[in-house]
C-alpha atoms as a PDB file:
ATOM      1  CA  UNK A   1      -0.003   0.002   0.001  1.00  0.00           C
ATOM      2  CA  UNK A   2       1.479   3.239  -1.152  1.00  0.00           C
ATOM      3  CA  UNK A   3       1.111   6.391   0.889  1.00  0.00           C
ATOM      4  CA  UNK A   4       2.528   9.529  -0.653  1.00  0.00           C
ATOM      5  CA  UNK A   5       3.296  11.514   2.481  1.00  0.00           C
ATOM      6  CA  UNK A   6       3.356  14.890   0.701  1.00  0.00           C
ATOM      7  CA  UNK A   7      -0.097  14.258  -0.773  1.00  0.00           C
ATOM      8  CA  UNK A   8      -1.433  12.800   2.490  1.00  0.00           C
ATOM      9  CA  UNK A   9      -0.438  16.026   4.283  1.00  0.00           C
ATOM     10  CA  UNK A  10      -2.801  17.975   1.974  1.00  0.00           C
ATOM     11  CA  UNK A  11      -5.779  15.947   3.231  1.00  0.00           C
ATOM     12  CA  UNK A  12      -7.390  16.883   6.577  1.00  0.00           C
ATOM     13  CA  UNK A  13      -6.128  14.621   9.389  1.00  0.00           C
ATOM     14  CA  UNK A  14      -9.643  13.467  10.277  1.00  0.00           C
ATOM     15  CA  UNK A  15      -9.665  11.394   7.066  1.00  0.00           C
ATOM     16  CA  UNK A  16      -6.208   9.826   7.461  1.00  0.00           C
ATOM     17  CA  UNK A  17      -7.492   6.739   9.350  1.00  0.00           C
ATOM     18  CA  UNK A  18      -9.767   5.812   6.415  1.00  0.00           C
ATOM     19  CA  UNK A  19      -7.013   5.954   3.757  1.00  0.00           C
ATOM     20  CA  UNK A  20      -5.252   2.718   2.900  1.00  0.00           C
ATOM     21  CA  UNK A  21      -3.350   4.047  -0.102  1.00  0.00           C
ATOM     22  CA  UNK A  22      -2.941   7.544  -1.626  1.00  0.00           C
ATOM     23  CA  UNK A  23      -0.881   8.678  -4.626  1.00  0.00           C
ATOM     24  CA  UNK A  24      -0.727  10.758  -7.796  1.00  0.00           C
ATOM     25  CA  UNK A  25       0.100   9.430 -11.251  1.00  0.00           C
ATOM     26  CA  UNK A  26      -0.294  10.531 -14.888  1.00  0.00           C
ATOM     27  CA  UNK A  27      -4.077   9.826 -14.653  1.00  0.00           C
ATOM     28  CA  UNK A  28      -4.663  12.051 -11.601  1.00  0.00           C
ATOM     29  CA  UNK A  29      -5.055  11.691  -7.856  1.00  0.00           C
ATOM     30  CA  UNK A  30      -6.023   8.348  -6.238  1.00  0.00           C
ATOM     31  CA  UNK A  31      -6.985   7.237  -2.720  1.00  0.00           C
ATOM     32  CA  UNK A  32      -8.228   3.875  -1.552  1.00  0.00           C
ATOM     33  CA  UNK A  33     -10.582   3.899   1.391  1.00  0.00           C
ATOM     34  CA  UNK A  34     -10.852   1.063   3.944  1.00  0.00           C
ATOM     35  CA  UNK A  35     -10.322   0.388   7.635  1.00  0.00           C
ATOM     36  CA  UNK A  36     -14.089   0.321   8.266  1.00  0.00           C
ATOM     37  CA  UNK A  37     -14.889   3.304   6.083  1.00  0.00           C
ATOM     38  CA  UNK A  38     -16.533   3.693   2.665  1.00  0.00           C
ATOM     39  CA  UNK A  39     -17.635   6.414   0.254  1.00  0.00           C
ATOM     40  CA  UNK A  40     -21.304   7.376   0.133  1.00  0.00           C
ATOM     41  CA  UNK A  41     -22.707   9.101  -2.944  1.00  0.00           C
ATOM     42  CA  UNK A  42     -19.540   8.628  -5.000  1.00  0.00           C
ATOM     43  CA  UNK A  43     -19.296   6.532  -8.142  1.00  0.00           C
ATOM     44  CA  UNK A  44     -17.157   3.942  -6.264  1.00  0.00           C
ATOM     45  CA  UNK A  45     -17.447   2.537  -2.764  1.00  0.00           C
ATOM     46  CA  UNK A  46     -13.760   2.512  -1.872  1.00  0.00           C
ATOM     47  CA  UNK A  47     -11.735   4.434  -4.484  1.00  0.00           C
ATOM     48  CA  UNK A  48     -11.416   8.179  -4.980  1.00  0.00           C
ATOM     49  CA  UNK A  49     -10.089   9.260  -8.368  1.00  0.00           C
ATOM     50  CA  UNK A  50     -10.056  12.875  -9.511  1.00  0.00           C
ATOM     51  CA  UNK A  51      -8.074  14.864 -12.074  1.00  0.00           C
ATOM     52  CA  UNK A  52      -7.563  17.933  -9.878  1.00  0.00           C
ATOM     53  CA  UNK A  53      -6.396  18.275  -6.280  1.00  0.00           C
ATOM     54  CA  UNK A  54      -9.376  20.535  -5.509  1.00  0.00           C
ATOM     55  CA  UNK A  55     -11.915  17.909  -6.619  1.00  0.00           C
ATOM     56  CA  UNK A  56      -9.893  15.166  -4.948  1.00  0.00           C
ATOM     57  CA  UNK A  57     -10.032  16.950  -1.573  1.00  0.00           C
ATOM     58  CA  UNK A  58     -13.798  17.552  -1.918  1.00  0.00           C
ATOM     59  CA  UNK A  59     -14.445  13.825  -2.376  1.00  0.00           C
ATOM     60  CA  UNK A  60     -13.179  13.033   1.128  1.00  0.00           C
ATOM     61  CA  UNK A  61     -16.308  14.666   2.554  1.00  0.00           C
ATOM     62  CA  UNK A  62     -18.197  11.599   1.288  1.00  0.00           C
ATOM     63  CA  UNK A  63     -16.371   9.190   3.594  1.00  0.00           C
ATOM     64  CA  UNK A  64     -18.586   7.502   6.192  1.00  0.00           C
ATOM     65  CA  UNK A  65     -18.136   4.684   8.737  1.00  0.00           C
ATOM     66  CA  UNK A  66     -19.395   1.305   7.527  1.00  0.00           C
END
């Protein structure tokens, strides 16, 4: 599980426990959600993928406890 520390530091700490992997590649920003959490109202239950950092950060508001 990859955790890009620089990118993780841009995400509010209250979401850190839910993130199993977070990174950026040529396709955008990625985060995998687990540890008893899921995404509600997002197109995937456990994966955040956005092209921009702004949209990526907004998606974390959709994380809820399972």
